Amino acid sequence: MYMNKTSQSIKKIMDIIECLIRWTCMIMLVAMAFLGIMQVIFRYVFNHSLSFSEESIIFLFVWVTFLGSALCLRHYGHASFGAIIDRLPRFMKASAGVVITLVNITFLSVLVIKGFEFISITGDKPSVSMQLPMRYVYLSIPIGSICMIIFSIEQLFGYIGHMTKVGKEEQ
């Protein structure tokens, strides 16, 4: 019973994190569309180009890519070895899920570390048109990776719980 309440609380926290990421991505996508439309209007109607719009759209796209990857990971939307894993026995499916998730967490941890290293080296360089420090764009790498790690840990506990359940059923 205690574990059930704990897992429900964790799921609620994960749902809140997902909701925040989802809304952030939606706002960024709307901003990208607005900036793109404004760029076209200014370029072809007023014969004047907005200097910041293209760069802003690119920066927002980078953020949406990394945050959207976290959402995709939570819902098992990334490419996987489904054809191979589906042929495994039930207990081994969960074991394979644990191994794959641990490899993901390891890779994402390297991305977080190297992302922060990259920011410390090149983060003060200004962007071309807006003169915005590039650290604000590069932060998408470690922040998106941290979000993916959080959702990977949630999946890891799901696989371990499934392994425990299958193990008890076989006894």
C-alpha atoms as a PDB file:
ATOM      1  CA  MET A   1       0.000   0.000   0.000  1.00  0.00           C
ATOM      2  CA  TYR A   2       2.797   2.432   0.932  1.00  0.00           C
ATOM      3  CA  MET A   3       4.598   1.741  -2.321  1.00  0.00           C
ATOM      4  CA  ASN A   4       1.394   2.320  -4.229  1.00  0.00           C
ATOM      5  CA  LYS A   5       0.918   5.777  -2.650  1.00  0.00           C
ATOM      6  CA  THR A   6       4.561   6.576  -3.271  1.00  0.00           C
ATOM      7  CA  SER A   7       4.352   5.552  -6.913  1.00  0.00           C
ATOM      8  CA  GLN A   8       1.151   7.587  -7.312  1.00  0.00           C
ATOM      9  CA  SER A   9       2.911  10.637  -5.864  1.00  0.00           C
ATOM     10  CA  ILE A  10       5.872  10.144  -8.175  1.00  0.00           C
ATOM     11  CA  LYS A  11       3.526   9.784 -11.155  1.00  0.00           C
ATOM     12  CA  LYS A  12       1.801  13.056 -10.194  1.00  0.00           C
ATOM     13  CA  ILE A  13       5.169  14.820 -10.009  1.00  0.00           C
ATOM     14  CA  MET A  14       6.159  13.381 -13.391  1.00  0.00           C
ATOM     15  CA  ASP A  15       2.808  14.468 -14.841  1.00  0.00           C
ATOM     16  CA  ILE A  16       3.404  18.010 -13.544  1.00  0.00           C
ATOM     17  CA  ILE A  17       6.900  18.073 -15.076  1.00  0.00           C
ATOM     18  CA  GLU A  18       5.471  16.777 -18.364  1.00  0.00           C
ATOM     19  CA  CYS A  19       2.723  19.409 -18.302  1.00  0.00           C
ATOM     20  CA  LEU A  20       5.274  22.199 -17.732  1.00  0.00           C
ATOM     21  CA  ILE A  21       7.443  20.946 -20.575  1.00  0.00           C
ATOM     22  CA  ARG A  22       4.422  20.506 -22.858  1.00  0.00           C
ATOM     23  CA  TRP A  23       3.194  24.071 -22.213  1.00  0.00           C
ATOM     24  CA  THR A  24       6.699  25.463 -22.648  1.00  0.00           C
ATOM     25  CA  CYS A  25       6.997  23.685 -26.014  1.00  0.00           C
ATOM     26  CA  MET A  26       3.555  24.895 -27.097  1.00  0.00           C
ATOM     27  CA  ILE A  27       4.406  28.501 -26.205  1.00  0.00           C
ATOM     28  CA  MET A  28       7.706  28.225 -28.067  1.00  0.00           C
ATOM     29  CA  LEU A  29       5.984  26.734 -31.131  1.00  0.00           C
ATOM     30  CA  VAL A  30       3.410  29.538 -31.144  1.00  0.00           C
ATOM     31  CA  ALA A  31       6.223  32.093 -30.823  1.00  0.00           C
ATOM     32  CA  MET A  32       8.058  30.429 -33.729  1.00  0.00           C
ATOM     33  CA  ALA A  33       4.949  30.558 -35.913  1.00  0.00           C
ATOM     34  CA  PHE A  34       4.253  34.174 -34.954  1.00  0.00           C
ATOM     35  CA  LEU A  35       7.839  35.226 -35.679  1.00  0.00           C
ATOM     36  CA  GLY A  36       7.811  33.378 -39.003  1.00  0.00           C
ATOM     37  CA  ILE A  37       4.561  35.041 -40.075  1.00  0.00           C
ATOM     38  CA  MET A  38       5.797  38.453 -38.940  1.00  0.00           C
ATOM     39  CA  GLN A  39       9.038  37.935 -40.874  1.00  0.00           C
ATOM     40  CA  VAL A  40       7.087  37.204 -44.066  1.00  0.00           C
ATOM     41  CA  ILE A  41       4.766  40.181 -43.549  1.00  0.00           C
ATOM     42  CA  PHE A  42       7.611  42.577 -42.846  1.00  0.00           C
ATOM     43  CA  ARG A  43       9.727  41.279 -45.722  1.00  0.00           C
ATOM     44  CA  TYR A  44       7.067  41.244 -48.446  1.00  0.00           C
ATOM     45  CA  VAL A  45       4.558  43.860 -47.312  1.00  0.00           C
ATOM     46  CA  PHE A  46       6.769  46.494 -45.675  1.00  0.00           C
ATOM     47  CA  ASN A  47       9.923  45.640 -47.645  1.00  0.00           C
ATOM     48  CA  HIS A  48      11.850  45.512 -44.378  1.00  0.00           C
ATOM     49  CA  SER A  49      13.345  42.414 -42.773  1.00  0.00           C
ATOM     50  CA  LEU A  50      13.258  41.770 -39.041  1.00  0.00           C
ATOM     51  CA  SER A  51      16.849  41.222 -37.976  1.00  0.00           C
ATOM     52  CA  PHE A  52      16.086  39.017 -34.994  1.00  0.00           C
ATOM     53  CA  SER A  53      13.304  36.735 -36.225  1.00  0.00           C
ATOM     54  CA  GLU A  54      15.301  34.034 -38.033  1.00  0.00           C
ATOM     55  CA  GLU A  55      17.786  33.663 -35.222  1.00  0.00           C
ATOM     56  CA  SER A  56      14.970  33.600 -32.641  1.00  0.00           C
ATOM     57  CA  ILE A  57      13.154  30.877 -34.560  1.00  0.00           C
ATOM     58  CA  ILE A  58      16.320  28.778 -34.744  1.00  0.00           C
ATOM     59  CA  PHE A  59      16.993  29.191 -31.014  1.00  0.00           C
ATOM     60  CA  LEU A  60      13.401  28.300 -30.128  1.00  0.00           C
ATOM     61  CA  PHE A  61      13.599  25.290 -32.452  1.00  0.00           C
ATOM     62  CA  VAL A  62      16.672  24.014 -30.612  1.00  0.00           C
ATOM     63  CA  TRP A  63      14.836  24.312 -27.287  1.00  0.00           C
ATOM     64  CA  VAL A  64      11.700  22.620 -28.622  1.00  0.00           C
ATOM     65  CA  THR A  65      13.848  19.794 -29.992  1.00  0.00           C
ATOM     66  CA  PHE A  66      15.470  18.974 -26.653  1.00  0.00           C
ATOM     67  CA  LEU A  67      12.373  19.497 -24.509  1.00  0.00           C
ATOM     68  CA  GLY A  68      10.190  17.677 -27.029  1.00  0.00           C
ATOM     69  CA  SER A  69      12.625  14.762 -26.944  1.00  0.00           C
ATOM     70  CA  ALA A  70      11.943  14.436 -23.224  1.00  0.00           C
ATOM     71  CA  LEU A  71       8.188  14.285 -23.887  1.00  0.00           C
ATOM     72  CA  CYS A  72       8.752  11.740 -26.623  1.00  0.00           C
ATOM     73  CA  LEU A  73      10.914   9.623 -24.317  1.00  0.00           C
ATOM     74  CA  ARG A  74       8.262   9.574 -21.593  1.00  0.00           C
ATOM     75  CA  HIS A  75       5.720   8.150 -24.028  1.00  0.00           C
ATOM     76  CA  TYR A  76       8.170   5.632 -25.562  1.00  0.00           C
ATOM     77  CA  GLY A  77       8.109   7.539 -28.854  1.00  0.00           C
ATOM     78  CA  HIS A  78      11.795   7.241 -29.731  1.00  0.00           C
ATOM     79  CA  ALA A  79      13.146   4.615 -32.092  1.00  0.00           C
ATOM     80  CA  SER A  80      13.772   1.356 -30.276  1.00  0.00           C
ATOM     81  CA  PHE A  81      14.585  -2.285 -30.760  1.00  0.00           C
ATOM     82  CA  GLY A  82      10.901  -3.255 -30.619  1.00  0.00           C
ATOM     83  CA  ALA A  83      11.129  -5.996 -33.243  1.00  0.00           C
ATOM     84  CA  ILE A  84      13.842  -7.739 -31.255  1.00  0.00           C
ATOM     85  CA  ILE A  85      12.485  -7.087 -27.766  1.00  0.00           C
ATOM     86  CA  ASP A  86       8.957  -8.243 -28.672  1.00  0.00           C
ATOM     87  CA  ARG A  87      10.326 -11.725 -29.399  1.00  0.00           C
ATOM     88  CA  LEU A  88      11.881 -12.091 -25.951  1.00  0.00           C
ATOM     89  CA  PRO A  89      10.161 -13.922 -23.075  1.00  0.00           C
ATOM     90  CA  ARG A  90       8.187 -11.673 -20.686  1.00  0.00           C
ATOM     91  CA  PHE A  91      10.842 -11.532 -17.971  1.00  0.00           C
ATOM     92  CA  MET A  92      13.613 -10.776 -20.452  1.00  0.00           C
ATOM     93  CA  LYS A  93      11.621  -7.912 -22.020  1.00  0.00           C
ATOM     94  CA  ALA A  94      11.741  -6.019 -18.731  1.00  0.00           C
ATOM     95  CA  SER A  95      15.427  -6.927 -18.277  1.00  0.00           C
ATOM     96  CA  ALA A  96      16.201  -5.595 -21.750  1.00  0.00           C
ATOM     97  CA  GLY A  97      14.238  -2.458 -20.888  1.00  0.00           C
ATOM     98  CA  VAL A  98      16.378  -1.969 -17.773  1.00  0.00           C
ATOM     99  CA  VAL A  99      19.619  -2.384 -19.730  1.00  0.00           C
ATOM    100  CA  ILE A 100      18.524  -0.048 -22.523  1.00  0.00           C
ATOM    101  CA  THR A 101      17.291   2.560 -20.041  1.00  0.00           C
ATOM    102  CA  LEU A 102      20.581   2.407 -18.111  1.00  0.00           C
ATOM    103  CA  VAL A 103      22.485   2.950 -21.374  1.00  0.00           C
ATOM    104  CA  ASN A 104      20.182   5.923 -22.125  1.00  0.00           C
ATOM    105  CA  ILE A 105      20.766   7.401 -18.671  1.00  0.00           C
ATOM    106  CA  THR A 106      24.528   6.997 -19.093  1.00  0.00           C
ATOM    107  CA  PHE A 107      24.489   8.707 -22.501  1.00  0.00           C
ATOM    108  CA  LEU A 108      22.238  11.506 -21.260  1.00  0.00           C
ATOM    109  CA  SER A 109      24.478  12.022 -18.221  1.00  0.00           C
ATOM    110  CA  VAL A 110      27.430  12.520 -20.565  1.00  0.00           C
ATOM    111  CA  LEU A 111      25.331  15.035 -22.520  1.00  0.00           C
ATOM    112  CA  VAL A 112      24.585  16.948 -19.315  1.00  0.00           C
ATOM    113  CA  ILE A 113      28.234  17.041 -18.265  1.00  0.00           C
ATOM    114  CA  LYS A 114      29.587  17.899 -21.716  1.00  0.00           C
ATOM    115  CA  GLY A 115      26.749  20.395 -22.258  1.00  0.00           C
ATOM    116  CA  PHE A 116      27.740  22.349 -19.151  1.00  0.00           C
ATOM    117  CA  GLU A 117      31.417  22.129 -20.154  1.00  0.00           C
ATOM    118  CA  PHE A 118      30.526  23.486 -23.597  1.00  0.00           C
ATOM    119  CA  ILE A 119      28.574  26.349 -22.010  1.00  0.00           C
ATOM    120  CA  SER A 120      31.500  27.244 -19.769  1.00  0.00           C
ATOM    121  CA  ILE A 121      33.830  27.392 -22.775  1.00  0.00           C
ATOM    122  CA  THR A 122      31.670  29.115 -25.407  1.00  0.00           C
ATOM    123  CA  GLY A 123      28.634  30.420 -23.522  1.00  0.00           C
ATOM    124  CA  ASP A 124      29.726  34.057 -23.429  1.00  0.00           C
ATOM    125  CA  LYS A 125      29.995  34.302 -27.217  1.00  0.00           C
ATOM    126  CA  PRO A 126      27.166  36.561 -28.479  1.00  0.00           C
ATOM    127  CA  SER A 127      24.733  35.467 -31.168  1.00  0.00           C
ATOM    128  CA  VAL A 128      25.093  37.141 -34.548  1.00  0.00           C
ATOM    129  CA  SER A 129      22.001  39.318 -34.824  1.00  0.00           C
ATOM    130  CA  MET A 130      20.555  39.591 -31.313  1.00  0.00           C
ATOM    131  CA  GLN A 131      23.878  39.663 -29.466  1.00  0.00           C
ATOM    132  CA  LEU A 132      22.348  37.254 -26.950  1.00  0.00           C
ATOM    133  CA  PRO A 133      24.909  35.156 -25.038  1.00  0.00           C
ATOM    134  CA  MET A 134      24.862  31.698 -26.624  1.00  0.00           C
ATOM    135  CA  ARG A 135      24.662  30.061 -23.193  1.00  0.00           C
ATOM    136  CA  TYR A 136      20.896  30.603 -23.336  1.00  0.00           C
ATOM    137  CA  VAL A 137      20.705  28.434 -26.434  1.00  0.00           C
ATOM    138  CA  TYR A 138      23.286  25.886 -25.287  1.00  0.00           C
ATOM    139  CA  LEU A 139      21.452  25.424 -21.979  1.00  0.00           C
ATOM    140  CA  SER A 140      18.862  23.470 -23.967  1.00  0.00           C
ATOM    141  CA  ILE A 141      21.298  20.547 -24.170  1.00  0.00           C
ATOM    142  CA  PRO A 142      21.788  19.877 -20.442  1.00  0.00           C
ATOM    143  CA  ILE A 143      18.269  20.936 -19.437  1.00  0.00           C
ATOM    144  CA  GLY A 144      16.622  18.753 -22.078  1.00  0.00           C
ATOM    145  CA  SER A 145      18.947  15.899 -21.128  1.00  0.00           C
ATOM    146  CA  ILE A 146      18.109  16.288 -17.422  1.00  0.00           C
ATOM    147  CA  CYS A 147      14.406  16.100 -18.288  1.00  0.00           C
ATOM    148  CA  MET A 148      15.082  12.949 -20.319  1.00  0.00           C
ATOM    149  CA  ILE A 149      17.034  11.454 -17.391  1.00  0.00           C
ATOM    150  CA  ILE A 150      14.111  12.151 -15.042  1.00  0.00           C
ATOM    151  CA  PHE A 151      11.681  10.384 -17.378  1.00  0.00           C
ATOM    152  CA  SER A 152      14.186   7.555 -17.953  1.00  0.00           C
ATOM    153  CA  ILE A 153      14.404   6.977 -14.211  1.00  0.00           C
ATOM    154  CA  GLU A 154      10.609   6.781 -14.114  1.00  0.00           C
ATOM    155  CA  GLN A 155      10.729   4.153 -16.876  1.00  0.00           C
ATOM    156  CA  LEU A 156      13.508   2.290 -15.080  1.00  0.00           C
ATOM    157  CA  PHE A 157      11.344   1.926 -11.971  1.00  0.00           C
ATOM    158  CA  GLY A 158       8.495   0.740 -14.191  1.00  0.00           C
ATOM    159  CA  TYR A 159      10.677  -1.972 -15.714  1.00  0.00           C
ATOM    160  CA  ILE A 160      11.966  -3.046 -12.298  1.00  0.00           C
ATOM    161  CA  GLY A 161       8.403  -3.147 -10.956  1.00  0.00           C
ATOM    162  CA  HIS A 162       7.368  -5.248 -13.947  1.00  0.00           C
ATOM    163  CA  MET A 163      10.286  -7.636 -13.357  1.00  0.00           C
ATOM    164  CA  THR A 164       9.261  -7.997  -9.707  1.00  0.00           C
ATOM    165  CA  LYS A 165       5.646  -8.636 -10.678  1.00  0.00           C
ATOM    166  CA  VAL A 166       6.576 -11.225 -13.318  1.00  0.00           C
ATOM    167  CA  GLY A 167       8.994 -12.892 -10.890  1.00  0.00           C
ATOM    168  CA  LYS A 168       6.270 -13.252  -8.248  1.00  0.00           C
ATOM    169  CA  GLU A 169       3.801 -14.653 -10.820  1.00  0.00           C
ATOM    170  CA  GLU A 170       6.289 -17.343 -11.873  1.00  0.00           C
ATOM    171  CA  GLN A 171       6.833 -18.537  -8.285  1.00  0.00           C
END
